[in-house]
């Protein structure tokens, strides 16, 4: 009998000691009724409380845990979980009990029509300081990416395994996974999910999400358009500026040949400046091409990995 599970549940957690056991019980209640094998992967993202010990107290061989050396962020945790997952279906949810595991069968049914399915917290149980910026970024991301879903940032998602193996996450890009998946050609669906208020612990996100969200959206837009061809963006700007500078210089040279003094003309300095800046933009594009071809995005350190222990390493 194969040890390969049908479903991999990935749960990034950071300081969620009061929620771990209750979350596991809810997961077990749902998964035990399904006729599918599964694994539950907790990614402890550098917790400073007893989260890791709580996970270790669960006596279930289907529960795996990876512990980071420090807090690297949700994108790194998800990236690690994606790499560790073995199931044909991958489910991600948050560890704060706001996502309800009873929704998992609905996600799996919807995956028959899409490559990935995102949850939509239509009735979100969060303060306005979180919901208002989220609505703004959801609308902006929907406009830019062309992905017609309502909630990009919901942590409750389902994927076919081949999707997560081909998505590169780093920084804070977990907010825009549906856009990244669509950019790679995968189909993205959405279902409404129930969202519960947080009872234990504190939210890990504050006002700084506004700035990060804006910068992340710029990053995603750039990645969707120019990740594999940065020279097309920087080179295009460079050639436009450089050509303008050369055109001005040729014009001034014509005037000089006809006997017109050009040494004290501001236009001369402007033409030279445009030419130099244009050359710099082209050079920046070439450097971007070099980085794109050689970059390794694994930027987290694993302190403990139950997978490695099982394999005797």
Protein backbone atom coordinates (compact mmCIF):
# COMPACT_ATOMS: atom_id res chain seq x y z
CA UNK A 1 0.00 0.00 0.00
CA UNK A 2 1.41 3.38 -1.06
CA UNK A 3 2.39 5.88 1.64
CA UNK A 4 1.53 8.77 -0.68
CA UNK A 5 -1.43 10.70 0.76
CA UNK A 6 -4.28 12.00 -1.38
CA UNK A 7 -4.53 15.30 0.51
CA UNK A 8 -1.88 17.51 2.05
CA UNK A 9 -3.07 20.11 4.57
CA UNK A 10 -0.55 22.93 5.03
CA UNK A 11 -0.92 25.20 8.07
CA UNK A 12 1.57 28.05 8.68
CA UNK A 13 1.51 29.00 12.37
CA UNK A 14 3.22 31.65 14.49
CA UNK A 15 2.47 31.88 18.21
CA UNK A 16 -0.84 29.97 18.03
CA UNK A 17 -0.39 27.69 21.06
CA UNK A 18 -4.00 28.12 22.22
CA UNK A 19 -5.43 27.14 18.83
CA UNK A 20 -3.35 24.13 17.78
CA UNK A 21 -5.16 21.28 19.54
CA UNK A 22 -8.65 22.58 18.77
CA UNK A 23 -7.71 23.07 15.14
CA UNK A 24 -6.37 19.52 14.93
CA UNK A 25 -9.59 18.12 16.43
CA UNK A 26 -11.67 19.99 13.85
CA UNK A 27 -9.43 18.80 11.04
CA UNK A 28 -9.57 15.21 12.26
CA UNK A 29 -13.37 15.34 12.53
CA UNK A 30 -13.63 16.37 8.88
CA UNK A 31 -10.82 14.33 7.34
CA UNK A 32 -11.68 11.07 9.13
CA UNK A 33 -15.08 11.07 7.43
CA UNK A 34 -13.57 11.38 3.97
CA UNK A 35 -12.46 8.32 2.05
CA UNK A 36 -9.08 9.81 1.29
CA UNK A 37 -5.67 9.48 2.91
CA UNK A 38 -4.11 12.70 4.16
CA UNK A 39 -1.20 14.41 5.88
CA UNK A 40 -1.28 17.54 8.02
CA UNK A 41 1.82 19.73 7.75
CA UNK A 42 2.34 22.41 10.38
CA UNK A 43 4.99 25.00 9.49
CA UNK A 44 6.06 26.66 12.74
CA UNK A 45 7.27 30.03 11.55
CA UNK A 46 9.62 30.81 14.43
CA UNK A 47 7.07 30.76 17.26
CA UNK A 48 8.30 32.07 20.62
CA UNK A 49 5.53 30.46 22.70
CA UNK A 50 4.63 26.76 23.10
CA UNK A 51 3.23 26.28 19.60
CA UNK A 52 5.89 23.74 18.62
CA UNK A 53 5.39 21.75 21.82
CA UNK A 54 1.61 21.71 21.29
CA UNK A 55 2.07 20.30 17.80
CA UNK A 56 4.50 17.70 19.14
CA UNK A 57 1.93 16.55 21.69
CA UNK A 58 -0.43 15.40 18.92
CA UNK A 59 -0.16 11.61 18.74
CA UNK A 60 -0.91 11.13 15.07
CA UNK A 61 1.61 9.84 12.54
CA UNK A 62 -0.18 11.82 9.83
CA UNK A 63 0.82 15.07 11.49
CA UNK A 64 4.14 16.48 10.29
CA UNK A 65 5.91 19.57 11.58
CA UNK A 66 8.64 21.79 10.17
CA UNK A 67 10.10 24.41 12.47
CA UNK A 68 11.91 27.51 11.20
CA UNK A 69 14.94 28.95 12.95
CA UNK A 70 13.16 32.31 13.21
CA UNK A 71 10.11 34.10 11.84
CA UNK A 72 10.50 34.30 8.05
CA UNK A 73 6.91 35.17 7.14
CA UNK A 74 3.93 33.42 5.66
CA UNK A 75 5.25 33.27 2.11
CA UNK A 76 8.34 31.33 3.23
CA UNK A 77 6.19 29.00 5.35
CA UNK A 78 3.86 28.26 2.44
CA UNK A 79 6.78 27.80 0.06
CA UNK A 80 8.31 25.24 2.41
CA UNK A 81 4.98 23.48 2.85
CA UNK A 82 4.46 23.32 -0.91
CA UNK A 83 7.82 21.64 -1.35
CA UNK A 84 7.16 19.13 1.44
CA UNK A 85 3.62 18.23 0.36
CA UNK A 86 3.05 14.83 -1.23
CA UNK A 87 -0.70 14.82 -1.80
CA UNK A 88 -2.37 15.19 -5.18
CA UNK A 89 -4.55 17.86 -3.56
CA UNK A 90 -3.06 20.60 -1.38
CA UNK A 91 -5.16 22.61 1.07
CA UNK A 92 -3.85 25.66 2.90
CA UNK A 93 -5.54 27.32 5.86
CA UNK A 94 -4.56 29.59 8.73
CA UNK A 95 -3.92 28.34 12.23
CA UNK A 96 -6.07 30.89 14.06
CA UNK A 97 -9.38 28.93 13.89
CA UNK A 98 -10.96 31.58 11.68
CA UNK A 99 -11.03 29.10 8.77
CA UNK A 100 -13.42 26.16 9.21
CA UNK A 101 -12.08 22.73 8.14
CA UNK A 102 -15.61 21.53 7.37
CA UNK A 103 -15.28 23.51 4.09
CA UNK A 104 -12.54 21.16 2.80
CA UNK A 105 -14.90 18.74 0.92
CA UNK A 106 -16.41 21.71 -0.95
CA UNK A 107 -12.95 22.86 -2.04
CA UNK A 108 -12.11 19.39 -3.30
CA UNK A 109 -15.34 19.18 -5.30
CA UNK A 110 -14.63 22.56 -6.90
CA UNK A 111 -11.09 21.45 -7.85
CA UNK A 112 -12.66 19.16 -10.43
CA UNK A 113 -13.32 22.30 -12.49
CA UNK A 114 -10.25 24.42 -11.70
CA UNK A 115 -6.51 24.09 -11.11
CA UNK A 116 -6.83 26.03 -7.86
CA UNK A 117 -9.71 27.34 -5.77
CA UNK A 118 -9.53 30.36 -3.47
CA UNK A 119 -11.78 31.01 -0.50
CA UNK A 120 -13.86 34.16 -0.30
CA UNK A 121 -14.56 35.54 3.17
CA UNK A 122 -17.67 37.41 2.05
CA UNK A 123 -18.72 38.03 5.66
CA UNK A 124 -15.36 38.70 7.22
CA UNK A 125 -15.11 38.71 11.01
CA UNK A 126 -12.28 41.22 11.31
CA UNK A 127 -12.03 44.91 12.31
CA UNK A 128 -12.39 47.59 9.64
CA UNK A 129 -8.65 48.32 9.89
CA UNK A 130 -8.12 44.98 8.13
CA UNK A 131 -11.20 44.73 5.93
CA UNK A 132 -11.05 48.20 4.31
CA UNK A 133 -7.46 47.95 2.97
CA UNK A 134 -8.20 44.37 1.90
CA UNK A 135 -11.16 45.47 -0.23
CA UNK A 136 -9.06 48.15 -1.89
CA UNK A 137 -6.21 45.80 -2.77
CA UNK A 138 -8.59 43.06 -3.90
CA UNK A 139 -10.26 45.42 -6.37
CA UNK A 140 -6.94 46.81 -7.58
CA UNK A 141 -5.42 43.35 -7.98
CA UNK A 142 -8.52 42.10 -9.80
CA UNK A 143 -8.23 45.04 -12.22
CA UNK A 144 -4.50 44.61 -12.85
CA UNK A 145 -4.32 40.81 -12.98
CA UNK A 146 -7.62 40.17 -14.75
CA UNK A 147 -8.40 37.32 -12.31
CA UNK A 148 -12.10 37.62 -11.52
CA UNK A 149 -12.19 36.63 -7.86
CA UNK A 150 -13.19 38.67 -4.82
CA UNK A 151 -10.62 37.69 -2.18
CA UNK A 152 -6.98 37.24 -3.13
CA UNK A 153 -5.65 37.25 0.42
CA UNK A 154 -7.81 34.51 1.96
CA UNK A 155 -5.50 31.84 3.41
CA UNK A 156 -8.04 29.08 2.81
CA UNK A 157 -7.21 27.70 -0.64
CA UNK A 158 -7.09 24.39 -2.50
CA UNK A 159 -4.68 23.42 -5.26
CA UNK A 160 -3.89 20.54 -7.50
CA UNK A 161 -0.37 19.48 -6.61
CA UNK A 162 1.16 20.52 -9.93
CA UNK A 163 0.17 24.14 -9.21
CA UNK A 164 2.04 24.50 -5.92
CA UNK A 165 5.12 22.83 -7.36
CA UNK A 166 5.33 25.57 -9.97
CA UNK A 167 4.69 28.67 -7.86
CA UNK A 168 7.67 30.57 -6.46
CA UNK A 169 6.88 32.42 -3.24
CA UNK A 170 9.12 34.83 -1.37
CA UNK A 171 8.83 38.09 0.51
CA UNK A 172 5.11 38.79 0.99
CA UNK A 173 3.79 37.40 -2.30
CA UNK A 174 1.43 34.92 -0.63
CA UNK A 175 -1.26 37.61 -0.89
CA UNK A 176 -1.29 37.30 -4.65
CA UNK A 177 -1.04 33.56 -5.26
CA UNK A 178 -4.18 33.49 -7.48
CA UNK A 179 -2.65 36.18 -9.72
CA UNK A 180 0.68 34.32 -9.90
CA UNK A 181 -1.12 31.04 -10.71
CA UNK A 182 -3.21 32.69 -13.43
CA UNK A 183 -0.08 34.28 -14.88
CA UNK A 184 1.36 30.78 -15.28
CA UNK A 185 -1.73 29.68 -17.16
CA UNK A 186 -3.67 27.87 -14.41
CA UNK A 187 -7.42 28.29 -13.98
CA UNK A 188 -8.58 29.90 -10.74
CA UNK A 189 -11.98 29.44 -9.09
CA UNK A 190 -13.53 30.76 -5.90
CA UNK A 191 -16.06 29.66 -3.29
CA UNK A 192 -17.58 31.53 -0.38
CA UNK A 193 -16.38 30.26 2.99
CA UNK A 194 -17.48 30.85 6.54
CA UNK A 195 -15.15 33.07 8.53
CA UNK A 196 -15.06 32.97 12.33
CA UNK A 197 -13.86 35.72 14.68
CA UNK A 198 -10.50 35.16 16.34
CA UNK A 199 -10.92 33.92 19.91
CA UNK A 200 -7.37 33.08 21.02
CA UNK A 201 -4.15 34.90 20.30
CA UNK A 202 -3.51 38.10 18.37
CA UNK A 203 -3.48 39.00 14.70
CA UNK A 204 0.01 39.04 13.19
CA UNK A 205 -0.83 41.80 10.74
CA UNK A 206 -0.97 45.53 11.42
CA UNK A 207 -1.13 48.88 9.64
CA UNK A 208 2.15 48.14 7.86
CA UNK A 209 0.16 45.86 5.54
CA UNK A 210 -0.90 49.00 3.62
CA UNK A 211 2.65 49.80 2.55
CA UNK A 212 3.62 46.16 2.06
CA UNK A 213 0.49 45.46 0.07
CA UNK A 214 1.19 48.37 -2.29
CA UNK A 215 4.80 47.33 -2.84
CA UNK A 216 3.78 43.69 -3.30
CA UNK A 217 1.25 44.68 -5.94
CA UNK A 218 3.97 46.52 -7.85
CA UNK A 219 6.16 43.43 -7.54
CA UNK A 220 3.41 41.11 -8.80
CA UNK A 221 2.64 43.41 -11.71
CA UNK A 222 6.31 43.45 -12.67
CA UNK A 223 6.62 39.67 -12.29
CA UNK A 224 3.54 39.03 -14.41
CA UNK A 225 4.84 41.21 -17.22
CA UNK A 226 8.61 41.16 -17.11
CA UNK A 227 9.96 38.50 -14.74
CA UNK A 228 11.49 36.43 -17.53
CA UNK A 229 12.37 39.46 -19.67
CA UNK A 230 13.44 42.41 -17.47
CA UNK A 231 15.48 43.77 -20.39
CA UNK A 232 12.21 44.37 -22.27
CA UNK A 233 11.08 46.82 -19.60
CA UNK A 234 14.32 48.54 -18.66
CA UNK A 235 15.72 48.26 -22.19
CA UNK A 236 12.58 49.82 -23.66
CA UNK A 237 12.79 52.80 -21.33
CA UNK A 238 16.54 53.01 -21.95
CA UNK A 239 16.23 53.02 -25.72
CA UNK A 240 13.49 55.67 -25.57
CA UNK A 241 15.59 57.97 -23.39
CA UNK A 242 18.81 57.17 -25.23
CA UNK A 243 17.29 57.74 -28.67
CA UNK A 244 15.91 61.09 -27.48
CA UNK A 245 19.35 62.06 -26.22
CA UNK A 246 21.04 61.02 -29.48
CA UNK A 247 18.41 62.89 -31.52
CA UNK A 248 19.05 66.08 -29.51
CA UNK A 249 22.82 65.64 -29.89
CA UNK A 250 22.58 65.15 -33.65
CA UNK A 251 20.38 68.24 -33.92
CA UNK A 252 22.89 70.32 -31.94
CA UNK A 253 25.79 68.95 -33.99
CA UNK A 254 24.00 70.08 -37.14
CA UNK A 255 23.66 73.55 -35.65
CA UNK A 256 27.35 73.57 -34.70
CA UNK A 257 28.39 72.59 -38.22
CA UNK A 258 26.37 75.49 -39.60
CA UNK A 259 28.22 77.87 -37.30
CA UNK A 260 25.78 78.20 -34.43
CA UNK A 261 27.29 78.30 -30.92
CA UNK A 262 25.93 75.41 -28.78
CA UNK A 263 28.35 75.31 -25.84
CA UNK A 264 26.15 77.40 -23.53
CA UNK A 265 22.84 75.73 -24.46
CA UNK A 266 21.04 73.82 -21.67
CA UNK A 267 19.72 71.51 -24.42
CA UNK A 268 23.26 70.16 -24.87
CA UNK A 269 23.51 69.00 -21.26
CA UNK A 270 19.96 67.62 -21.44
CA UNK A 271 20.80 65.55 -24.53
CA UNK A 272 23.94 64.14 -22.91
CA UNK A 273 21.98 63.38 -19.71
CA UNK A 274 19.28 61.47 -21.63
CA UNK A 275 21.91 59.45 -23.47
CA UNK A 276 23.72 58.47 -20.27
CA UNK A 277 20.50 57.60 -18.40
CA UNK A 278 19.33 55.54 -21.37
CA UNK A 279 22.55 53.54 -21.33
CA UNK A 280 22.14 52.99 -17.58
CA UNK A 281 18.60 51.64 -18.01
CA UNK A 282 19.76 49.17 -20.66
CA UNK A 283 22.58 48.07 -18.34
CA UNK A 284 20.07 47.65 -15.49
CA UNK A 285 17.95 45.42 -17.73
CA UNK A 286 20.97 43.26 -18.57
CA UNK A 287 21.81 42.90 -14.86
CA UNK A 288 18.18 41.91 -14.24
CA UNK A 289 18.52 39.21 -16.90
CA UNK A 290 21.60 37.84 -15.11
CA UNK A 291 19.81 37.80 -11.74
CA UNK A 292 16.72 36.14 -13.23
CA UNK A 293 18.79 33.33 -14.72
CA UNK A 294 20.69 32.56 -11.51
CA UNK A 295 18.47 33.44 -8.53
CA UNK A 296 17.71 30.88 -5.80
CA UNK A 297 14.65 31.84 -3.76
CA UNK A 298 15.10 29.51 -0.77
CA UNK A 299 15.86 32.03 1.98
CA UNK A 300 14.74 30.25 5.15
CA UNK A 301 16.58 27.99 7.63
CA UNK A 302 14.86 24.89 9.00
CA UNK A 303 15.57 24.12 12.64
CA UNK A 304 13.50 20.91 12.88
CA UNK A 305 11.95 18.73 10.19
CA UNK A 306 9.93 15.61 10.99
CA UNK A 307 10.23 14.51 7.36
CA UNK A 308 14.00 14.23 7.67
CA UNK A 309 13.68 12.24 10.89
CA UNK A 310 11.32 9.77 9.24
CA UNK A 311 13.83 9.21 6.45
CA UNK A 312 16.67 8.67 8.92
CA UNK A 313 18.57 11.80 8.00
